[in-house]
Amino acid sequence: MDSDSHSFVFIAGVVIIRRFLAKERKIMITVKVKLNAALGQEIGQTVIEVSLPENSSIMDLVHEISRLYGDRVDKILFDSKRRSLKFVSFVNHSRRLTDQILNDGDQVRFLLPTGGG
């Protein structure tokens, strides 16, 4: 085997091991969430850190916040039928859809959409 083949086998092995470990022990990420006035007042903080499994989306984050802080936060986050968010999502200062996958250390913010006219 030449050195290029060894490198490929090593990298492939690392990827397989990492995937196995992620499934076995759930690699976690931590994101920082900056809360708007309504959420901050309800939770009692302006910034929270939330741990999530790797490959979690913004919607997964919303559900985890809801699980951690209960129904009172649900009423602020979701419409009355709990089908959609009332907020626009930003990750690291860029607007993102709720299916956006989060990375460790991301900063997330939920802002009310503004209308113009």
N, C-alpha and C. Protein backbone atom coordinates (compact mmCIF):
# COMPACT_ATOMS: atom_id res chain seq x y z
N MET A 1 0.83 -1.19 0.00
CA MET A 1 0.00 0.00 0.00
C MET A 1 0.87 1.24 0.00
N ASP A 2 0.54 2.21 -0.85
CA ASP A 2 1.32 3.46 -0.85
C ASP A 2 0.79 4.40 0.22
N SER A 3 1.47 5.52 0.44
CA SER A 3 1.10 6.44 1.53
C SER A 3 -0.27 7.08 1.32
N ASP A 4 -0.66 7.31 0.05
CA ASP A 4 -1.99 7.88 -0.20
C ASP A 4 -3.09 6.90 0.22
N SER A 5 -2.88 5.62 -0.02
CA SER A 5 -3.86 4.61 0.38
C SER A 5 -3.96 4.53 1.89
N HIS A 6 -2.82 4.62 2.57
CA HIS A 6 -2.82 4.61 4.03
C HIS A 6 -3.59 5.80 4.58
N SER A 7 -3.39 6.97 3.97
CA SER A 7 -4.09 8.18 4.41
C SER A 7 -5.59 8.03 4.25
N PHE A 8 -6.01 7.47 3.11
CA PHE A 8 -7.44 7.29 2.87
C PHE A 8 -8.05 6.33 3.88
N VAL A 9 -7.37 5.22 4.13
CA VAL A 9 -7.87 4.23 5.08
C VAL A 9 -7.97 4.85 6.47
N PHE A 10 -6.97 5.61 6.87
CA PHE A 10 -6.97 6.27 8.18
C PHE A 10 -8.14 7.24 8.30
N ILE A 11 -8.33 8.10 7.30
CA ILE A 11 -9.43 9.09 7.33
C ILE A 11 -10.77 8.38 7.35
N ALA A 12 -10.94 7.36 6.53
CA ALA A 12 -12.21 6.61 6.50
C ALA A 12 -12.46 5.97 7.86
N GLY A 13 -11.41 5.43 8.48
CA GLY A 13 -11.55 4.83 9.80
C GLY A 13 -11.97 5.84 10.85
N VAL A 14 -11.41 7.04 10.80
CA VAL A 14 -11.76 8.10 11.75
C VAL A 14 -13.23 8.48 11.59
N VAL A 15 -13.68 8.61 10.35
CA VAL A 15 -15.08 8.98 10.10
C VAL A 15 -16.01 7.90 10.64
N ILE A 16 -15.70 6.63 10.40
CA ILE A 16 -16.54 5.53 10.89
C ILE A 16 -16.58 5.52 12.42
N ILE A 17 -15.43 5.69 13.05
CA ILE A 17 -15.38 5.71 14.51
C ILE A 17 -16.18 6.88 15.07
N ARG A 18 -16.04 8.07 14.47
CA ARG A 18 -16.77 9.25 14.96
C ARG A 18 -18.28 9.04 14.85
N ARG A 19 -18.74 8.48 13.73
CA ARG A 19 -20.18 8.21 13.58
C ARG A 19 -20.67 7.21 14.61
N PHE A 20 -19.87 6.17 14.85
CA PHE A 20 -20.23 5.17 15.85
C PHE A 20 -20.33 5.81 17.23
N LEU A 21 -19.34 6.61 17.60
CA LEU A 21 -19.35 7.26 18.91
C LEU A 21 -20.52 8.23 19.05
N ALA A 22 -20.84 8.93 17.97
CA ALA A 22 -21.97 9.87 18.01
C ALA A 22 -23.26 9.13 18.31
N LYS A 23 -23.44 7.97 17.71
CA LYS A 23 -24.66 7.18 17.96
C LYS A 23 -24.65 6.59 19.36
N GLU A 24 -23.51 6.14 19.81
CA GLU A 24 -23.42 5.46 21.10
C GLU A 24 -23.54 6.41 22.29
N ARG A 25 -22.88 7.54 22.21
CA ARG A 25 -22.89 8.41 23.38
C ARG A 25 -23.43 9.80 23.10
N LYS A 26 -24.05 9.98 21.96
CA LYS A 26 -24.66 11.24 21.58
C LYS A 26 -23.74 12.43 21.82
N ILE A 27 -23.00 12.77 20.82
CA ILE A 27 -22.14 13.94 20.89
C ILE A 27 -23.05 15.15 21.04
N MET A 28 -22.74 16.00 22.00
CA MET A 28 -23.58 17.16 22.29
C MET A 28 -22.90 18.45 21.83
N ILE A 29 -23.73 19.41 21.49
CA ILE A 29 -23.27 20.75 21.18
C ILE A 29 -23.93 21.71 22.16
N THR A 30 -23.36 22.88 22.32
CA THR A 30 -23.96 23.91 23.15
C THR A 30 -24.11 25.16 22.31
N VAL A 31 -25.32 25.74 22.33
CA VAL A 31 -25.57 26.98 21.62
C VAL A 31 -26.01 28.05 22.62
N LYS A 32 -25.69 29.28 22.31
CA LYS A 32 -26.07 30.41 23.15
C LYS A 32 -27.29 31.06 22.51
N VAL A 33 -28.34 31.26 23.30
CA VAL A 33 -29.57 31.85 22.80
C VAL A 33 -29.76 33.21 23.47
N LYS A 34 -29.80 34.26 22.65
CA LYS A 34 -30.08 35.60 23.16
C LYS A 34 -31.59 35.80 23.07
N LEU A 35 -32.19 36.08 24.20
CA LEU A 35 -33.65 36.14 24.28
C LEU A 35 -34.17 37.56 24.07
N ASN A 36 -35.30 37.66 23.40
CA ASN A 36 -35.94 38.97 23.25
C ASN A 36 -36.61 39.33 24.58
N ALA A 37 -37.21 40.50 24.64
CA ALA A 37 -37.78 41.00 25.90
C ALA A 37 -38.82 40.06 26.50
N ALA A 38 -39.77 39.58 25.70
CA ALA A 38 -40.84 38.73 26.23
C ALA A 38 -40.30 37.41 26.76
N LEU A 39 -39.44 36.75 26.00
CA LEU A 39 -38.86 35.48 26.46
C LEU A 39 -37.95 35.69 27.65
N GLY A 40 -37.13 36.71 27.59
CA GLY A 40 -36.21 37.00 28.69
C GLY A 40 -36.94 37.27 29.99
N GLN A 41 -38.03 38.00 29.90
CA GLN A 41 -38.82 38.31 31.09
C GLN A 41 -39.46 37.04 31.65
N GLU A 42 -39.97 36.19 30.79
CA GLU A 42 -40.62 34.95 31.23
C GLU A 42 -39.62 33.97 31.85
N ILE A 43 -38.44 33.88 31.25
CA ILE A 43 -37.43 32.94 31.73
C ILE A 43 -36.61 33.54 32.87
N GLY A 44 -36.50 34.86 32.88
CA GLY A 44 -35.73 35.53 33.93
C GLY A 44 -34.27 35.72 33.59
N GLN A 45 -33.92 35.56 32.32
CA GLN A 45 -32.55 35.74 31.85
C GLN A 45 -32.59 36.33 30.46
N THR A 46 -31.52 36.99 30.06
CA THR A 46 -31.46 37.54 28.70
C THR A 46 -30.68 36.64 27.75
N VAL A 47 -29.85 35.76 28.33
CA VAL A 47 -29.06 34.81 27.53
C VAL A 47 -29.10 33.46 28.24
N ILE A 48 -29.33 32.40 27.47
CA ILE A 48 -29.26 31.05 28.02
C ILE A 48 -28.35 30.21 27.12
N GLU A 49 -27.77 29.17 27.70
CA GLU A 49 -27.03 28.19 26.92
C GLU A 49 -27.82 26.89 26.96
N VAL A 50 -27.96 26.27 25.80
CA VAL A 50 -28.75 25.04 25.68
C VAL A 50 -27.88 23.97 25.04
N SER A 51 -27.88 22.78 25.63
CA SER A 51 -27.16 21.63 25.08
C SER A 51 -28.13 20.79 24.26
N LEU A 52 -27.65 20.39 23.09
CA LEU A 52 -28.45 19.60 22.15
C LEU A 52 -27.59 18.50 21.54
N PRO A 53 -28.21 17.42 21.07
CA PRO A 53 -27.43 16.43 20.33
C PRO A 53 -26.89 17.04 19.03
N GLU A 54 -25.73 16.57 18.62
CA GLU A 54 -25.15 17.01 17.36
C GLU A 54 -26.17 16.81 16.24
N ASN A 55 -26.14 17.66 15.23
CA ASN A 55 -27.05 17.64 14.08
C ASN A 55 -28.46 18.08 14.43
N SER A 56 -28.63 18.84 15.51
CA SER A 56 -29.94 19.38 15.87
C SER A 56 -30.21 20.63 15.05
N SER A 57 -31.49 20.86 14.78
CA SER A 57 -31.91 22.02 14.01
C SER A 57 -32.41 23.14 14.95
N ILE A 58 -32.71 24.27 14.35
CA ILE A 58 -33.29 25.38 15.12
C ILE A 58 -34.60 24.92 15.75
N MET A 59 -35.42 24.17 15.02
CA MET A 59 -36.69 23.70 15.59
C MET A 59 -36.44 22.75 16.76
N ASP A 60 -35.40 21.93 16.68
CA ASP A 60 -35.04 21.09 17.82
C ASP A 60 -34.70 21.96 19.03
N LEU A 61 -33.99 23.04 18.79
CA LEU A 61 -33.65 23.99 19.86
C LEU A 61 -34.91 24.59 20.47
N VAL A 62 -35.84 24.99 19.64
CA VAL A 62 -37.11 25.56 20.12
C VAL A 62 -37.84 24.56 21.01
N HIS A 63 -37.90 23.31 20.56
CA HIS A 63 -38.58 22.28 21.35
C HIS A 63 -37.85 22.03 22.68
N GLU A 64 -36.53 22.11 22.67
CA GLU A 64 -35.79 21.92 23.91
C GLU A 64 -36.03 23.08 24.87
N ILE A 65 -36.07 24.30 24.35
CA ILE A 65 -36.39 25.47 25.20
C ILE A 65 -37.79 25.30 25.79
N SER A 66 -38.71 24.87 24.97
CA SER A 66 -40.08 24.64 25.43
C SER A 66 -40.12 23.56 26.51
N ARG A 67 -39.35 22.49 26.32
CA ARG A 67 -39.30 21.42 27.32
C ARG A 67 -38.69 21.92 28.64
N LEU A 68 -37.65 22.72 28.53
CA LEU A 68 -36.96 23.22 29.73
C LEU A 68 -37.79 24.23 30.51
N TYR A 69 -38.54 25.09 29.80
CA TYR A 69 -39.21 26.22 30.46
C TYR A 69 -40.73 26.14 30.46
N GLY A 70 -41.30 25.13 29.79
CA GLY A 70 -42.72 24.87 29.94
C GLY A 70 -43.68 25.64 29.07
N ASP A 71 -44.97 25.47 29.39
CA ASP A 71 -46.07 26.01 28.59
C ASP A 71 -46.05 27.53 28.47
N ARG A 72 -45.58 28.19 29.50
CA ARG A 72 -45.59 29.67 29.45
C ARG A 72 -44.71 30.18 28.31
N VAL A 73 -43.64 29.44 27.99
CA VAL A 73 -42.76 29.82 26.89
C VAL A 73 -43.38 29.42 25.55
N ASP A 74 -44.09 28.29 25.54
CA ASP A 74 -44.80 27.86 24.33
C ASP A 74 -45.69 28.96 23.79
N LYS A 75 -46.42 29.62 24.69
CA LYS A 75 -47.37 30.66 24.28
C LYS A 75 -46.66 31.85 23.66
N ILE A 76 -45.42 32.06 24.03
CA ILE A 76 -44.65 33.17 23.45
C ILE A 76 -44.03 32.74 22.12
N LEU A 77 -43.55 31.51 22.04
CA LEU A 77 -42.83 31.04 20.86
C LEU A 77 -43.73 30.69 19.68
N PHE A 78 -44.85 30.01 19.96
CA PHE A 78 -45.67 29.43 18.89
C PHE A 78 -46.98 30.17 18.68
N ASP A 79 -47.57 29.99 17.48
CA ASP A 79 -48.91 30.51 17.23
C ASP A 79 -49.90 29.70 18.08
N SER A 80 -51.17 30.10 18.07
CA SER A 80 -52.16 29.50 18.96
C SER A 80 -52.38 28.00 18.73
N LYS A 81 -52.14 27.53 17.51
CA LYS A 81 -52.33 26.11 17.21
C LYS A 81 -51.01 25.33 17.28
N ARG A 82 -49.94 26.00 17.71
CA ARG A 82 -48.61 25.41 17.86
C ARG A 82 -48.09 24.80 16.56
N ARG A 83 -48.42 25.44 15.44
CA ARG A 83 -47.97 24.94 14.15
C ARG A 83 -46.73 25.66 13.63
N SER A 84 -46.58 26.91 14.00
CA SER A 84 -45.42 27.66 13.50
C SER A 84 -44.92 28.64 14.54
N LEU A 85 -43.67 29.01 14.39
CA LEU A 85 -43.06 29.98 15.28
C LEU A 85 -43.56 31.38 14.99
N LYS A 86 -43.67 32.17 16.02
CA LYS A 86 -44.03 33.58 15.86
C LYS A 86 -42.81 34.41 15.50
N PHE A 87 -41.62 33.81 15.60
CA PHE A 87 -40.37 34.55 15.47
C PHE A 87 -39.60 34.18 14.21
N VAL A 88 -38.72 35.08 13.82
CA VAL A 88 -37.75 34.83 12.76
C VAL A 88 -36.46 34.40 13.45
N SER A 89 -35.79 33.40 12.91
CA SER A 89 -34.60 32.83 13.53
C SER A 89 -33.33 33.39 12.89
N PHE A 90 -32.36 33.72 13.73
CA PHE A 90 -31.05 34.18 13.27
C PHE A 90 -29.99 33.32 13.93
N VAL A 91 -29.03 32.88 13.15
CA VAL A 91 -27.88 32.13 13.67
C VAL A 91 -26.63 32.90 13.27
N ASN A 92 -25.85 33.28 14.27
CA ASN A 92 -24.63 34.05 14.03
C ASN A 92 -24.90 35.27 13.14
N HIS A 93 -25.99 35.98 13.45
CA HIS A 93 -26.40 37.23 12.82
C HIS A 93 -26.95 37.09 11.40
N SER A 94 -27.22 35.86 10.95
CA SER A 94 -27.80 35.65 9.62
C SER A 94 -29.14 34.95 9.77
N ARG A 95 -30.12 35.42 9.02
CA ARG A 95 -31.46 34.83 9.08
C ARG A 95 -31.41 33.39 8.57
N ARG A 96 -32.06 32.49 9.29
CA ARG A 96 -32.06 31.07 8.93
C ARG A 96 -33.45 30.47 9.10
N LEU A 97 -33.73 29.44 8.30
CA LEU A 97 -34.97 28.69 8.43
C LEU A 97 -34.86 27.73 9.61
N THR A 98 -35.99 27.24 10.08
CA THR A 98 -35.99 26.40 11.28
C THR A 98 -35.37 25.02 11.06
N ASP A 99 -35.12 24.62 9.81
CA ASP A 99 -34.46 23.33 9.58
C ASP A 99 -32.94 23.45 9.53
N GLN A 100 -32.43 24.66 9.75
CA GLN A 100 -30.99 24.89 9.78
C GLN A 100 -30.33 24.06 10.88
N ILE A 101 -29.28 23.31 10.52
CA ILE A 101 -28.53 22.52 11.50
C ILE A 101 -27.59 23.44 12.27
N LEU A 102 -27.59 23.29 13.58
CA LEU A 102 -26.76 24.12 14.45
C LEU A 102 -25.41 23.46 14.70
N ASN A 103 -24.42 24.31 14.98
CA ASN A 103 -23.08 23.85 15.31
C ASN A 103 -22.72 24.29 16.72
N ASP A 104 -21.79 23.59 17.31
CA ASP A 104 -21.33 23.94 18.64
C ASP A 104 -20.84 25.39 18.65
N GLY A 105 -21.31 26.16 19.63
CA GLY A 105 -20.89 27.55 19.77
C GLY A 105 -21.71 28.56 19.01
N ASP A 106 -22.70 28.11 18.22
CA ASP A 106 -23.55 29.06 17.49
C ASP A 106 -24.28 29.98 18.45
N GLN A 107 -24.56 31.19 17.97
CA GLN A 107 -25.40 32.13 18.71
C GLN A 107 -26.71 32.27 17.97
N VAL A 108 -27.80 32.03 18.68
CA VAL A 108 -29.14 32.02 18.08
C VAL A 108 -29.96 33.14 18.69
N ARG A 109 -30.77 33.75 17.85
CA ARG A 109 -31.66 34.82 18.32
C ARG A 109 -33.01 34.68 17.63
N PHE A 110 -34.08 34.90 18.37
CA PHE A 110 -35.43 34.87 17.81
C PHE A 110 -35.99 36.28 17.89
N LEU A 111 -36.36 36.84 16.74
CA LEU A 111 -36.88 38.19 16.69
C LEU A 111 -38.26 38.18 16.04
N LEU A 112 -39.12 39.05 16.52
CA LEU A 112 -40.44 39.20 15.89
C LEU A 112 -40.26 39.78 14.50
N PRO A 113 -40.99 39.23 13.52
CA PRO A 113 -40.89 39.79 12.17
C PRO A 113 -41.50 41.20 12.16
N THR A 114 -40.92 42.05 11.35
CA THR A 114 -41.45 43.41 11.24
C THR A 114 -42.09 43.58 9.87
N GLY A 115 -43.15 44.33 9.85
CA GLY A 115 -43.83 44.61 8.59
C GLY A 115 -43.51 46.02 8.14
N GLY A 116 -43.63 46.23 6.89
CA GLY A 116 -43.35 47.56 6.35
C GLY A 116 -44.50 48.02 5.49
N GLY A 117 -44.41 49.23 5.09
CA GLY A 117 -45.48 49.66 4.21
C GLY A 117 -45.61 51.11 4.07
